[in-house]
């Protein structure tokens, strides 16, 4: 098994929490705790055994935190597939809205107010942002190594699109990740214009009209997300004989359960 975000949090999280105890937001603490405990005995699970051999497997519960690389792949894929049904046979483009770096501290201390304001302002100019809104800050498969208290990960250069490597101290890496953690219950996907829930009937009519006018424009859609971390199969089978494994017992959680 390769390097995971949870490994970094377990090894360097306690020191980070101690150093920035007075500055960490509750949502940051929750995200770190959830990712650390995801699919471990702390959240409980089940023990399965093969009826024909002595093979035993443990299946632990997920944290379901929206910032966890292990949990969000399936939800993101389901959401992206649902958006395909809304897309019209026309070209799309993406607009990115950012804030001046001088406002970082103000925004960090007033996330709900200023994030909502940013959404309202950007809505006046934005098309459809489906390809990016469900991506996580970083997936486990982008993590390369953890060595000498430093994390190396892959990224793509904004100007050229070329793959590159970046190495940060574990503390700096955790700090950067936490800047992507949103406030609890914050809605990051919002629909406007024809995509608003109250206008979906009009959107479907428009889609049908465009399909009739341009029947050749509705090809297979491009993939909207990068490959994400694999999720365990719902049905466990014995790796030796392929037989379905039977539930033997339930493991009670020892840590805080997911919200």
Foldseek 3Di string as FASTA:
>chain_A
DADFPLVLCVVCVVVLCVVCVVPDDPLLVVVSVQQNCAFHLQQWFFKWAAPVDGDIDTTGHGQCDLQHLQRQPVVLVVVLVVVLVLDALDDFDFDDDDDDPVCLVVCVVVVQVVVVVVCVVCVVPGDDDSLPQSDHPDFGVQWDDQPPQKTKGWDADPPPRHIDIDIDGSSVVSVVRSSRRHDPPDDRDADDDCRHPVNVVVSVVVRVVRCVVCVPSPDDDDDSYDDGDDHDDPFDADPPPRHTIGTDDIRHRNHDHHD
